[in-house]
Amino acid sequence: MKLMVIILNKTEVLEYLLEGLSAAGIGGATIIQSSGLAMTLQKMNSSFLSASIRSMLTGEEEDNRTILSVINDDQLDTVRRVVYNTVGDLSQPNTGIMFTVPLDFVEGRRKRRLPEYGGQKDEQKVEEDSSGKADKKDKKKK
């Protein structure tokens, strides 16, 4: 599993990006209003912000959004396609940045259930371990 982080500067596509991620099977994400260093320094009227950078910032820019989501390893290519189709080339200025961080422990994700097979009375519950592999646990119904 991975923690996917997208810092989206191009906030006008946020709704489309979230819809695309949801349609691609990304079941949950947290969206945080955030701001970059230069924008924050400009808002604070900081003397550390050079005049050349200050002249490029008009003060009308929106803050960005940080999207956090725990994804399975095999979902990364799908997420990247959705981001590039929605946001565009992230190497272009003022679009965003995306990265992942490997996770060795995750607790609190919703468990997936396997369908019951042909009248069996056993309920099979699938739990993902920290490596993202499914572990079947049988529970006998009484």
C-alpha atoms as a PDB file:
ATOM      1  CA  MET A   1       0.000   0.000   0.000  1.00  0.00           C
ATOM      2  CA  LYS A   2       0.986   3.590  -0.580  1.00  0.00           C
ATOM      3  CA  LEU A   3       0.016   7.009   0.640  1.00  0.00           C
ATOM      4  CA  MET A   4      -0.704   8.999  -2.487  1.00  0.00           C
ATOM      5  CA  VAL A   5      -0.227  12.750  -2.122  1.00  0.00           C
ATOM      6  CA  ILE A   6      -1.343  15.229  -4.769  1.00  0.00           C
ATOM      7  CA  ILE A   7      -0.688  18.918  -4.181  1.00  0.00           C
ATOM      8  CA  LEU A   8      -2.997  20.505  -6.715  1.00  0.00           C
ATOM      9  CA  ASN A   9      -2.249  24.072  -7.758  1.00  0.00           C
ATOM     10  CA  LYS A  10      -4.722  23.944 -10.645  1.00  0.00           C
ATOM     11  CA  THR A  11      -7.718  23.978  -8.288  1.00  0.00           C
ATOM     12  CA  GLU A  12     -10.279  24.667 -11.014  1.00  0.00           C
ATOM     13  CA  VAL A  13     -10.077  20.960 -11.949  1.00  0.00           C
ATOM     14  CA  LEU A  14     -10.479  19.644  -8.392  1.00  0.00           C
ATOM     15  CA  GLU A  15     -14.075  18.458  -8.857  1.00  0.00           C
ATOM     16  CA  TYR A  16     -13.233  16.647 -12.115  1.00  0.00           C
ATOM     17  CA  LEU A  17     -10.161  15.080 -10.554  1.00  0.00           C
ATOM     18  CA  LEU A  18     -12.101  13.763  -7.551  1.00  0.00           C
ATOM     19  CA  GLU A  19     -14.856  12.408  -9.817  1.00  0.00           C
ATOM     20  CA  GLY A  20     -12.233  10.699 -11.994  1.00  0.00           C
ATOM     21  CA  LEU A  21     -10.483   9.139  -9.011  1.00  0.00           C
ATOM     22  CA  SER A  22     -13.790   7.895  -7.628  1.00  0.00           C
ATOM     23  CA  ALA A  23     -14.799   6.424 -11.008  1.00  0.00           C
ATOM     24  CA  ALA A  24     -11.394   4.701 -11.180  1.00  0.00           C
ATOM     25  CA  GLY A  25     -12.050   2.898  -7.889  1.00  0.00           C
ATOM     26  CA  ILE A  26     -10.225   5.124  -5.436  1.00  0.00           C
ATOM     27  CA  GLY A  27     -12.603   4.762  -2.534  1.00  0.00           C
ATOM     28  CA  GLY A  28     -11.560   7.572  -0.275  1.00  0.00           C
ATOM     29  CA  ALA A  29      -9.431  10.647   0.022  1.00  0.00           C
ATOM     30  CA  THR A  30      -8.913  13.577   2.329  1.00  0.00           C
ATOM     31  CA  ILE A  31      -8.736  17.028   0.778  1.00  0.00           C
ATOM     32  CA  ILE A  32      -6.925  19.736   2.714  1.00  0.00           C
ATOM     33  CA  GLN A  33      -6.799  23.414   1.825  1.00  0.00           C
ATOM     34  CA  SER A  34      -3.117  24.270   1.699  1.00  0.00           C
ATOM     35  CA  SER A  35      -0.756  27.001   0.609  1.00  0.00           C
ATOM     36  CA  GLY A  36       2.757  27.097  -0.783  1.00  0.00           C
ATOM     37  CA  LEU A  37       5.720  28.840   0.779  1.00  0.00           C
ATOM     38  CA  ALA A  38       5.877  31.789  -1.641  1.00  0.00           C
ATOM     39  CA  MET A  39       2.139  32.468  -1.405  1.00  0.00           C
ATOM     40  CA  THR A  40       2.216  32.311   2.389  1.00  0.00           C
ATOM     41  CA  LEU A  41       5.202  34.655   2.598  1.00  0.00           C
ATOM     42  CA  GLN A  42       3.475  37.048   0.216  1.00  0.00           C
ATOM     43  CA  LYS A  43       0.299  37.057   2.331  1.00  0.00           C
ATOM     44  CA  MET A  44       2.426  37.787   5.391  1.00  0.00           C
ATOM     45  CA  ASN A  45       4.215  40.624   3.571  1.00  0.00           C
ATOM     46  CA  SER A  46       7.462  38.910   4.499  1.00  0.00           C
ATOM     47  CA  SER A  47      10.744  40.648   3.795  1.00  0.00           C
ATOM     48  CA  PHE A  48      12.213  37.246   2.880  1.00  0.00           C
ATOM     49  CA  LEU A  49      10.245  37.143  -0.347  1.00  0.00           C
ATOM     50  CA  SER A  50      12.400  38.654  -3.067  1.00  0.00           C
ATOM     51  CA  ALA A  51      11.060  41.531  -5.151  1.00  0.00           C
ATOM     52  CA  SER A  52      11.270  39.461  -8.348  1.00  0.00           C
ATOM     53  CA  ILE A  53       9.059  36.708  -6.932  1.00  0.00           C
ATOM     54  CA  ARG A  54       6.719  39.222  -5.276  1.00  0.00           C
ATOM     55  CA  SER A  55       6.071  40.920  -8.643  1.00  0.00           C
ATOM     56  CA  MET A  56       4.977  37.587 -10.152  1.00  0.00           C
ATOM     57  CA  LEU A  57       2.381  37.049  -7.424  1.00  0.00           C
ATOM     58  CA  THR A  58      -0.707  39.195  -7.852  1.00  0.00           C
ATOM     59  CA  GLY A  59      -2.384  38.073  -4.660  1.00  0.00           C
ATOM     60  CA  GLU A  60      -5.338  36.756  -6.651  1.00  0.00           C
ATOM     61  CA  GLU A  61      -4.124  33.166  -6.786  1.00  0.00           C
ATOM     62  CA  GLU A  62      -6.108  30.631  -4.837  1.00  0.00           C
ATOM     63  CA  ASP A  63      -4.522  28.416  -2.281  1.00  0.00           C
ATOM     64  CA  ASN A  64      -3.895  24.883  -3.443  1.00  0.00           C
ATOM     65  CA  ARG A  65      -5.456  21.617  -2.314  1.00  0.00           C
ATOM     66  CA  THR A  66      -3.619  18.624  -0.908  1.00  0.00           C
ATOM     67  CA  ILE A  67      -5.273  15.282  -1.619  1.00  0.00           C
ATOM     68  CA  LEU A  68      -4.290  12.304   0.523  1.00  0.00           C
ATOM     69  CA  SER A  69      -5.393   8.759  -0.231  1.00  0.00           C
ATOM     70  CA  VAL A  70      -4.262   5.291   0.792  1.00  0.00           C
ATOM     71  CA  ILE A  71      -4.076   3.222  -2.383  1.00  0.00           C
ATOM     72  CA  ASN A  72      -3.053  -0.309  -3.272  1.00  0.00           C
ATOM     73  CA  ASP A  73       0.202  -0.673  -5.181  1.00  0.00           C
ATOM     74  CA  ASP A  74      -1.644  -1.794  -8.317  1.00  0.00           C
ATOM     75  CA  GLN A  75      -3.774   1.390  -8.371  1.00  0.00           C
ATOM     76  CA  LEU A  76      -0.867   3.780  -8.921  1.00  0.00           C
ATOM     77  CA  ASP A  77      -0.842   3.612 -12.741  1.00  0.00           C
ATOM     78  CA  THR A  78      -4.603   4.192 -12.808  1.00  0.00           C
ATOM     79  CA  VAL A  79      -4.286   7.207 -10.500  1.00  0.00           C
ATOM     80  CA  ARG A  80      -1.496   8.651 -12.641  1.00  0.00           C
ATOM     81  CA  ARG A  81      -3.620   8.317 -15.794  1.00  0.00           C
ATOM     82  CA  VAL A  82      -6.569  10.070 -14.124  1.00  0.00           C
ATOM     83  CA  VAL A  83      -4.317  12.891 -12.885  1.00  0.00           C
ATOM     84  CA  TYR A  84      -2.646  13.421 -16.260  1.00  0.00           C
ATOM     85  CA  ASN A  85      -5.982  13.282 -18.128  1.00  0.00           C
ATOM     86  CA  THR A  86      -7.556  15.785 -15.725  1.00  0.00           C
ATOM     87  CA  VAL A  87      -4.774  18.079 -14.566  1.00  0.00           C
ATOM     88  CA  GLY A  88      -2.359  17.761 -17.459  1.00  0.00           C
ATOM     89  CA  ASP A  89       1.400  17.435 -17.478  1.00  0.00           C
ATOM     90  CA  LEU A  90       2.611  17.963 -13.918  1.00  0.00           C
ATOM     91  CA  SER A  91       5.994  19.128 -15.178  1.00  0.00           C
ATOM     92  CA  GLN A  92       4.290  22.339 -16.347  1.00  0.00           C
ATOM     93  CA  PRO A  93       4.263  25.303 -13.938  1.00  0.00           C
ATOM     94  CA  ASN A  94       1.305  25.867 -11.624  1.00  0.00           C
ATOM     95  CA  THR A  95      -0.274  22.442 -12.103  1.00  0.00           C
ATOM     96  CA  GLY A  96       0.754  20.389  -9.102  1.00  0.00           C
ATOM     97  CA  ILE A  97       2.942  17.655  -7.760  1.00  0.00           C
ATOM     98  CA  MET A  98       2.154  14.024  -7.037  1.00  0.00           C
ATOM     99  CA  PHE A  99       4.139  11.477  -5.055  1.00  0.00           C
ATOM    100  CA  THR A 100       3.647   8.331  -3.020  1.00  0.00           C
ATOM    101  CA  VAL A 101       5.064   7.133   0.258  1.00  0.00           C
ATOM    102  CA  PRO A 102       5.237   3.404   1.026  1.00  0.00           C
ATOM    103  CA  LEU A 103       3.124   2.346   4.003  1.00  0.00           C
ATOM    104  CA  ASP A 104       4.116  -0.518   6.255  1.00  0.00           C
ATOM    105  CA  PHE A 105       1.053  -0.263   8.497  1.00  0.00           C
ATOM    106  CA  VAL A 106      -2.529   0.771   7.818  1.00  0.00           C
ATOM    107  CA  GLU A 107      -5.442   0.398  10.163  1.00  0.00           C
ATOM    108  CA  GLY A 108      -8.983   1.633   9.727  1.00  0.00           C
ATOM    109  CA  ARG A 109      -9.554   0.949   6.034  1.00  0.00           C
ATOM    110  CA  ARG A 110     -12.922  -0.529   5.221  1.00  0.00           C
ATOM    111  CA  LYS A 111     -12.783  -4.290   4.845  1.00  0.00           C
ATOM    112  CA  ARG A 112     -13.940  -5.848   1.569  1.00  0.00           C
ATOM    113  CA  ARG A 113     -16.218  -8.872   1.616  1.00  0.00           C
ATOM    114  CA  LEU A 114     -16.134 -11.725  -0.856  1.00  0.00           C
ATOM    115  CA  PRO A 115     -19.473 -12.912  -2.199  1.00  0.00           C
ATOM    116  CA  GLU A 116     -20.831 -16.127  -0.731  1.00  0.00           C
ATOM    117  CA  TYR A 117     -20.387 -19.118  -2.986  1.00  0.00           C
ATOM    118  CA  GLY A 118     -23.221 -21.536  -3.903  1.00  0.00           C
ATOM    119  CA  GLY A 119     -25.175 -21.763  -0.688  1.00  0.00           C
ATOM    120  CA  GLN A 120     -22.208 -22.086   1.662  1.00  0.00           C
ATOM    121  CA  LYS A 121     -22.958 -21.075   5.201  1.00  0.00           C
ATOM    122  CA  ASP A 122     -19.477 -19.741   5.797  1.00  0.00           C
ATOM    123  CA  GLU A 123     -18.993 -16.017   5.584  1.00  0.00           C
ATOM    124  CA  GLN A 124     -15.671 -15.135   4.060  1.00  0.00           C
ATOM    125  CA  LYS A 125     -14.167 -11.845   5.067  1.00  0.00           C
ATOM    126  CA  VAL A 126     -11.178 -10.414   3.269  1.00  0.00           C
ATOM    127  CA  GLU A 127      -8.783  -8.273   5.227  1.00  0.00           C
ATOM    128  CA  GLU A 128      -5.797  -6.592   3.681  1.00  0.00           C
ATOM    129  CA  ASP A 129      -2.567  -6.840   5.562  1.00  0.00           C
ATOM    130  CA  SER A 130       0.030  -4.075   5.507  1.00  0.00           C
ATOM    131  CA  SER A 131       1.494  -5.371   2.227  1.00  0.00           C
ATOM    132  CA  GLY A 132      -1.888  -5.040   0.506  1.00  0.00           C
ATOM    133  CA  LYS A 133      -2.362  -8.822   0.191  1.00  0.00           C
ATOM    134  CA  ALA A 134      -5.784 -10.207   0.953  1.00  0.00           C
ATOM    135  CA  ASP A 135      -6.088 -12.610   3.848  1.00  0.00           C
ATOM    136  CA  LYS A 136      -9.246 -14.751   3.937  1.00  0.00           C
ATOM    137  CA  LYS A 137     -10.733 -15.433   7.334  1.00  0.00           C
ATOM    138  CA  ASP A 138     -13.663 -17.823   7.638  1.00  0.00           C
ATOM    139  CA  LYS A 139     -16.383 -17.235  10.183  1.00  0.00           C
ATOM    140  CA  LYS A 140     -18.828 -20.079  10.811  1.00  0.00           C
ATOM    141  CA  LYS A 141     -22.441 -19.005  11.070  1.00  0.00           C
ATOM    142  CA  LYS A 142     -24.374 -20.687  13.851  1.00  0.00           C
END
